Amino acid sequence: MLSKNKTYQPADETRISELAGVPLASFTQRGLALITDFILAALLFLSFLIGGGLIAQSLGILKLDHSVKLEFTFFKNWFSIVWLVLYFTLSVYFSNGRTIGKKIFKIRIVSLVHEHISLWHSLERALGYGASALEAGFGFIQYFIRADRRTVHDRIAETIVVREITNRD
């Protein structure tokens, strides 16, 4: 018995139609927000390392000599990658797409399927930054190639990045 031909129906056409006409963020806004968030993540990482070291030293768990060598090789150790993924996942989720960098540059990440970006989509997006950086950053360059201005990490997480609407717009 042959079944009828079926057609694809998007999961949530309502959400996509709600977003029609929303102004997209520029590449400059997105890039500067990402750099700002990377700097903030690095500063927080450094704060936790120093704070944790001082606490461990005061409890006698760790003995530090007086010469401390700081190397800013953020991607050299596995825990710095985990830190970045956690920073971006949690900041996107708890701020509903408005990391500190994105707040400064008046843009936000918006889910194409949910009104509030889910924790899973936040994690996908954080991991997707790595995919966008592959092949000399070609995933980021796709912003200029695609009409919808979505990069690889946007497509992985089913998101877009939009400008915040202010009363002056």
C-alpha atoms as a PDB file:
ATOM      1  CA  MET A   1       0.000   0.000   0.000  1.00  0.00           C
ATOM      2  CA  LEU A   2       1.426   3.363  -1.031  1.00  0.00           C
ATOM      3  CA  SER A   3       1.278   6.257   1.367  1.00  0.00           C
ATOM      4  CA  LYS A   4       0.318   9.736   0.264  1.00  0.00           C
ATOM      5  CA  ASN A   5       3.085  12.179  -0.539  1.00  0.00           C
ATOM      6  CA  LYS A   6       3.836  14.245   2.506  1.00  0.00           C
ATOM      7  CA  THR A   7       5.169  17.757   2.571  1.00  0.00           C
ATOM      8  CA  TYR A   8       7.441  19.410   5.057  1.00  0.00           C
ATOM      9  CA  GLN A   9       5.791  21.791   7.479  1.00  0.00           C
ATOM     10  CA  PRO A  10       8.018  24.026   9.632  1.00  0.00           C
ATOM     11  CA  ALA A  11       7.675  23.305  13.343  1.00  0.00           C
ATOM     12  CA  ASP A  12       6.714  26.832  14.341  1.00  0.00           C
ATOM     13  CA  GLU A  13       5.667  29.107  11.523  1.00  0.00           C
ATOM     14  CA  THR A  14       4.125  31.480  14.070  1.00  0.00           C
ATOM     15  CA  ARG A  15       7.473  32.278  15.693  1.00  0.00           C
ATOM     16  CA  ILE A  16       9.179  32.839  12.354  1.00  0.00           C
ATOM     17  CA  SER A  17       6.396  35.148  11.189  1.00  0.00           C
ATOM     18  CA  GLU A  18       6.694  37.111  14.477  1.00  0.00           C
ATOM     19  CA  LEU A  19      10.335  37.813  13.616  1.00  0.00           C
ATOM     20  CA  ALA A  20       9.679  38.954  10.045  1.00  0.00           C
ATOM     21  CA  GLY A  21      10.973  42.481   9.492  1.00  0.00           C
ATOM     22  CA  VAL A  22      13.117  42.625  12.649  1.00  0.00           C
ATOM     23  CA  PRO A  23      16.372  44.497  11.871  1.00  0.00           C
ATOM     24  CA  LEU A  24      19.423  42.233  11.924  1.00  0.00           C
ATOM     25  CA  ALA A  25      22.617  43.142  13.769  1.00  0.00           C
ATOM     26  CA  SER A  26      25.557  44.306  11.698  1.00  0.00           C
ATOM     27  CA  PHE A  27      28.735  42.260  11.430  1.00  0.00           C
ATOM     28  CA  THR A  28      30.614  45.019  13.261  1.00  0.00           C
ATOM     29  CA  GLN A  29      28.161  44.973  16.175  1.00  0.00           C
ATOM     30  CA  ARG A  30      28.344  41.190  16.371  1.00  0.00           C
ATOM     31  CA  GLY A  31      32.139  41.096  16.168  1.00  0.00           C
ATOM     32  CA  LEU A  32      32.680  43.798  18.778  1.00  0.00           C
ATOM     33  CA  ALA A  33      30.172  42.145  21.126  1.00  0.00           C
ATOM     34  CA  LEU A  34      31.956  38.797  20.732  1.00  0.00           C
ATOM     35  CA  ILE A  35      35.358  40.362  21.420  1.00  0.00           C
ATOM     36  CA  THR A  36      33.932  42.130  24.489  1.00  0.00           C
ATOM     37  CA  ASP A  37      32.505  38.860  25.788  1.00  0.00           C
ATOM     38  CA  PHE A  38      35.816  37.043  25.180  1.00  0.00           C
ATOM     39  CA  ILE A  39      37.667  39.714  27.162  1.00  0.00           C
ATOM     40  CA  LEU A  40      35.111  39.531  29.969  1.00  0.00           C
ATOM     41  CA  ALA A  41      35.289  35.713  30.003  1.00  0.00           C
ATOM     42  CA  ALA A  42      39.095  35.901  30.202  1.00  0.00           C
ATOM     43  CA  LEU A  43      38.975  38.395  33.077  1.00  0.00           C
ATOM     44  CA  LEU A  44      36.469  36.263  34.989  1.00  0.00           C
ATOM     45  CA  PHE A  45      38.575  33.163  34.338  1.00  0.00           C
ATOM     46  CA  LEU A  46      41.653  34.925  35.660  1.00  0.00           C
ATOM     47  CA  SER A  47      39.711  36.163  38.709  1.00  0.00           C
ATOM     48  CA  PHE A  48      38.575  32.650  39.560  1.00  0.00           C
ATOM     49  CA  LEU A  49      42.088  31.255  39.137  1.00  0.00           C
ATOM     50  CA  ILE A  50      43.629  33.917  41.361  1.00  0.00           C
ATOM     51  CA  GLY A  51      40.809  33.738  43.915  1.00  0.00           C
ATOM     52  CA  GLY A  52      40.891  29.952  43.973  1.00  0.00           C
ATOM     53  CA  GLY A  53      44.673  29.986  44.353  1.00  0.00           C
ATOM     54  CA  LEU A  54      44.510  32.408  47.263  1.00  0.00           C
ATOM     55  CA  ILE A  55      41.812  30.372  49.006  1.00  0.00           C
ATOM     56  CA  ALA A  56      43.746  27.139  48.442  1.00  0.00           C
ATOM     57  CA  GLN A  57      46.898  28.791  49.787  1.00  0.00           C
ATOM     58  CA  SER A  58      45.133  30.105  52.903  1.00  0.00           C
ATOM     59  CA  LEU A  59      43.730  26.621  53.603  1.00  0.00           C
ATOM     60  CA  GLY A  60      47.180  25.078  53.206  1.00  0.00           C
ATOM     61  CA  ILE A  61      46.126  23.015  50.176  1.00  0.00           C
ATOM     62  CA  LEU A  62      48.471  24.835  47.841  1.00  0.00           C
ATOM     63  CA  LYS A  63      51.884  26.316  48.509  1.00  0.00           C
ATOM     64  CA  LEU A  64      52.780  29.122  46.139  1.00  0.00           C
ATOM     65  CA  ASP A  65      56.256  30.531  45.810  1.00  0.00           C
ATOM     66  CA  HIS A  66      56.710  34.251  45.420  1.00  0.00           C
ATOM     67  CA  SER A  67      57.347  34.160  41.696  1.00  0.00           C
ATOM     68  CA  VAL A  68      54.156  33.574  39.765  1.00  0.00           C
ATOM     69  CA  LYS A  69      54.299  33.287  36.017  1.00  0.00           C
ATOM     70  CA  LEU A  70      51.142  34.310  34.166  1.00  0.00           C
ATOM     71  CA  GLU A  71      50.736  33.198  30.591  1.00  0.00           C
ATOM     72  CA  PHE A  72      47.782  34.372  28.560  1.00  0.00           C
ATOM     73  CA  THR A  73      47.269  31.232  26.510  1.00  0.00           C
ATOM     74  CA  PHE A  74      43.522  30.997  26.905  1.00  0.00           C
ATOM     75  CA  PHE A  75      43.029  28.043  24.553  1.00  0.00           C
ATOM     76  CA  LYS A  76      46.012  25.961  25.625  1.00  0.00           C
ATOM     77  CA  ASN A  77      44.286  24.078  28.438  1.00  0.00           C
ATOM     78  CA  TRP A  78      41.068  22.062  28.329  1.00  0.00           C
ATOM     79  CA  PHE A  79      39.599  23.909  31.302  1.00  0.00           C
ATOM     80  CA  SER A  80      39.776  27.248  29.480  1.00  0.00           C
ATOM     81  CA  ILE A  81      37.662  25.791  26.644  1.00  0.00           C
ATOM     82  CA  VAL A  82      35.171  24.423  29.165  1.00  0.00           C
ATOM     83  CA  TRP A  83      35.114  27.859  30.810  1.00  0.00           C
ATOM     84  CA  LEU A  84      34.331  29.576  27.488  1.00  0.00           C
ATOM     85  CA  VAL A  85      31.543  27.123  26.695  1.00  0.00           C
ATOM     86  CA  LEU A  86      30.064  27.583  30.177  1.00  0.00           C
ATOM     87  CA  TYR A  87      30.378  31.370  30.004  1.00  0.00           C
ATOM     88  CA  PHE A  88      28.622  31.651  26.654  1.00  0.00           C
ATOM     89  CA  THR A  89      26.012  28.964  27.395  1.00  0.00           C
ATOM     90  CA  LEU A  90      24.956  30.376  30.741  1.00  0.00           C
ATOM     91  CA  SER A  91      25.178  34.052  29.818  1.00  0.00           C
ATOM     92  CA  VAL A  92      23.063  33.538  26.688  1.00  0.00           C
ATOM     93  CA  TYR A  93      20.517  31.405  28.540  1.00  0.00           C
ATOM     94  CA  PHE A  94      20.097  33.522  31.672  1.00  0.00           C
ATOM     95  CA  SER A  95      20.058  36.827  29.782  1.00  0.00           C
ATOM     96  CA  ASN A  96      17.765  35.481  27.034  1.00  0.00           C
ATOM     97  CA  GLY A  97      20.315  36.259  24.358  1.00  0.00           C
ATOM     98  CA  ARG A  98      21.799  39.449  25.781  1.00  0.00           C
ATOM     99  CA  THR A  99      25.337  38.788  26.951  1.00  0.00           C
ATOM    100  CA  ILE A 100      27.159  41.778  28.396  1.00  0.00           C
ATOM    101  CA  GLY A 101      28.895  42.397  25.057  1.00  0.00           C
ATOM    102  CA  LYS A 102      25.597  42.219  23.218  1.00  0.00           C
ATOM    103  CA  LYS A 103      23.950  44.600  25.720  1.00  0.00           C
ATOM    104  CA  ILE A 104      26.743  47.125  25.177  1.00  0.00           C
ATOM    105  CA  PHE A 105      26.329  46.970  21.393  1.00  0.00           C
ATOM    106  CA  LYS A 106      22.500  46.893  21.583  1.00  0.00           C
ATOM    107  CA  ILE A 107      21.969  43.518  19.943  1.00  0.00           C
ATOM    108  CA  ARG A 108      20.536  40.200  21.092  1.00  0.00           C
ATOM    109  CA  ILE A 109      20.341  36.551  20.110  1.00  0.00           C
ATOM    110  CA  VAL A 110      16.809  35.419  19.298  1.00  0.00           C
ATOM    111  CA  SER A 111      15.612  31.843  18.916  1.00  0.00           C
ATOM    112  CA  LEU A 112      13.723  30.976  15.752  1.00  0.00           C
ATOM    113  CA  VAL A 113      11.676  28.360  17.613  1.00  0.00           C
ATOM    114  CA  HIS A 114      11.221  29.598  21.196  1.00  0.00           C
ATOM    115  CA  GLU A 115      10.352  32.911  22.753  1.00  0.00           C
ATOM    116  CA  HIS A 116      13.052  32.369  25.403  1.00  0.00           C
ATOM    117  CA  ILE A 117      16.264  30.800  24.115  1.00  0.00           C
ATOM    118  CA  SER A 118      16.584  27.331  25.639  1.00  0.00           C
ATOM    119  CA  LEU A 119      19.561  26.015  27.582  1.00  0.00           C
ATOM    120  CA  TRP A 120      20.148  23.425  24.852  1.00  0.00           C
ATOM    121  CA  HIS A 121      20.153  26.064  22.091  1.00  0.00           C
ATOM    122  CA  SER A 122      22.516  28.183  24.209  1.00  0.00           C
ATOM    123  CA  LEU A 123      24.898  25.230  24.508  1.00  0.00           C
ATOM    124  CA  GLU A 124      24.636  24.486  20.780  1.00  0.00           C
ATOM    125  CA  ARG A 125      25.446  28.088  20.000  1.00  0.00           C
ATOM    126  CA  ALA A 126      28.433  28.155  22.390  1.00  0.00           C
ATOM    127  CA  LEU A 127      29.848  24.989  20.835  1.00  0.00           C
ATOM    128  CA  GLY A 128      28.977  26.346  17.392  1.00  0.00           C
ATOM    129  CA  TYR A 129      31.484  29.174  17.799  1.00  0.00           C
ATOM    130  CA  GLY A 130      34.153  26.513  17.383  1.00  0.00           C
ATOM    131  CA  ALA A 131      32.516  25.307  14.179  1.00  0.00           C
ATOM    132  CA  SER A 132      32.359  28.895  12.883  1.00  0.00           C
ATOM    133  CA  ALA A 133      36.068  29.366  13.599  1.00  0.00           C
ATOM    134  CA  LEU A 134      37.054  26.292  11.584  1.00  0.00           C
ATOM    135  CA  GLU A 135      38.613  26.719   8.153  1.00  0.00           C
ATOM    136  CA  ALA A 136      40.051  30.146   8.895  1.00  0.00           C
ATOM    137  CA  GLY A 137      36.788  31.520  10.265  1.00  0.00           C
ATOM    138  CA  PHE A 138      34.669  30.689   7.219  1.00  0.00           C
ATOM    139  CA  GLY A 139      31.642  30.095   9.455  1.00  0.00           C
ATOM    140  CA  PHE A 140      31.758  33.766  10.476  1.00  0.00           C
ATOM    141  CA  ILE A 141      32.313  34.914   6.865  1.00  0.00           C
ATOM    142  CA  GLN A 142      29.044  33.249   5.892  1.00  0.00           C
ATOM    143  CA  TYR A 143      27.364  36.333   7.381  1.00  0.00           C
ATOM    144  CA  PHE A 144      28.278  38.107   4.129  1.00  0.00           C
ATOM    145  CA  ILE A 145      27.274  35.220   1.862  1.00  0.00           C
ATOM    146  CA  ARG A 146      23.823  34.360   3.196  1.00  0.00           C
ATOM    147  CA  ALA A 147      20.832  36.641   2.683  1.00  0.00           C
ATOM    148  CA  ASP A 148      19.549  35.894   6.207  1.00  0.00           C
ATOM    149  CA  ARG A 149      22.967  36.921   7.691  1.00  0.00           C
ATOM    150  CA  ARG A 150      23.184  33.692   9.703  1.00  0.00           C
ATOM    151  CA  THR A 151      26.582  32.236  10.545  1.00  0.00           C
ATOM    152  CA  VAL A 152      27.297  28.566  11.204  1.00  0.00           C
ATOM    153  CA  HIS A 153      26.655  28.868  14.952  1.00  0.00           C
ATOM    154  CA  ASP A 154      23.368  30.673  14.234  1.00  0.00           C
ATOM    155  CA  ARG A 155      22.191  27.817  12.033  1.00  0.00           C
ATOM    156  CA  ILE A 156      23.340  25.139  14.491  1.00  0.00           C
ATOM    157  CA  ALA A 157      21.372  26.765  17.328  1.00  0.00           C
ATOM    158  CA  GLU A 158      18.430  27.960  15.200  1.00  0.00           C
ATOM    159  CA  THR A 159      18.994  31.602  16.117  1.00  0.00           C
ATOM    160  CA  ILE A 160      19.407  35.029  14.575  1.00  0.00           C
ATOM    161  CA  VAL A 161      21.076  38.135  16.000  1.00  0.00           C
ATOM    162  CA  VAL A 162      18.948  41.264  15.890  1.00  0.00           C
ATOM    163  CA  ARG A 163      19.338  44.908  16.780  1.00  0.00           C
ATOM    164  CA  GLU A 164      17.546  45.979  19.935  1.00  0.00           C
ATOM    165  CA  ILE A 165      14.646  48.235  19.085  1.00  0.00           C
ATOM    166  CA  THR A 166      14.725  51.502  20.984  1.00  0.00           C
ATOM    167  CA  ASN A 167      12.144  54.276  21.065  1.00  0.00           C
ATOM    168  CA  ARG A 168      14.451  56.358  18.844  1.00  0.00           C
ATOM    169  CA  ASP A 169      14.363  53.767  16.004  1.00  0.00           C
END
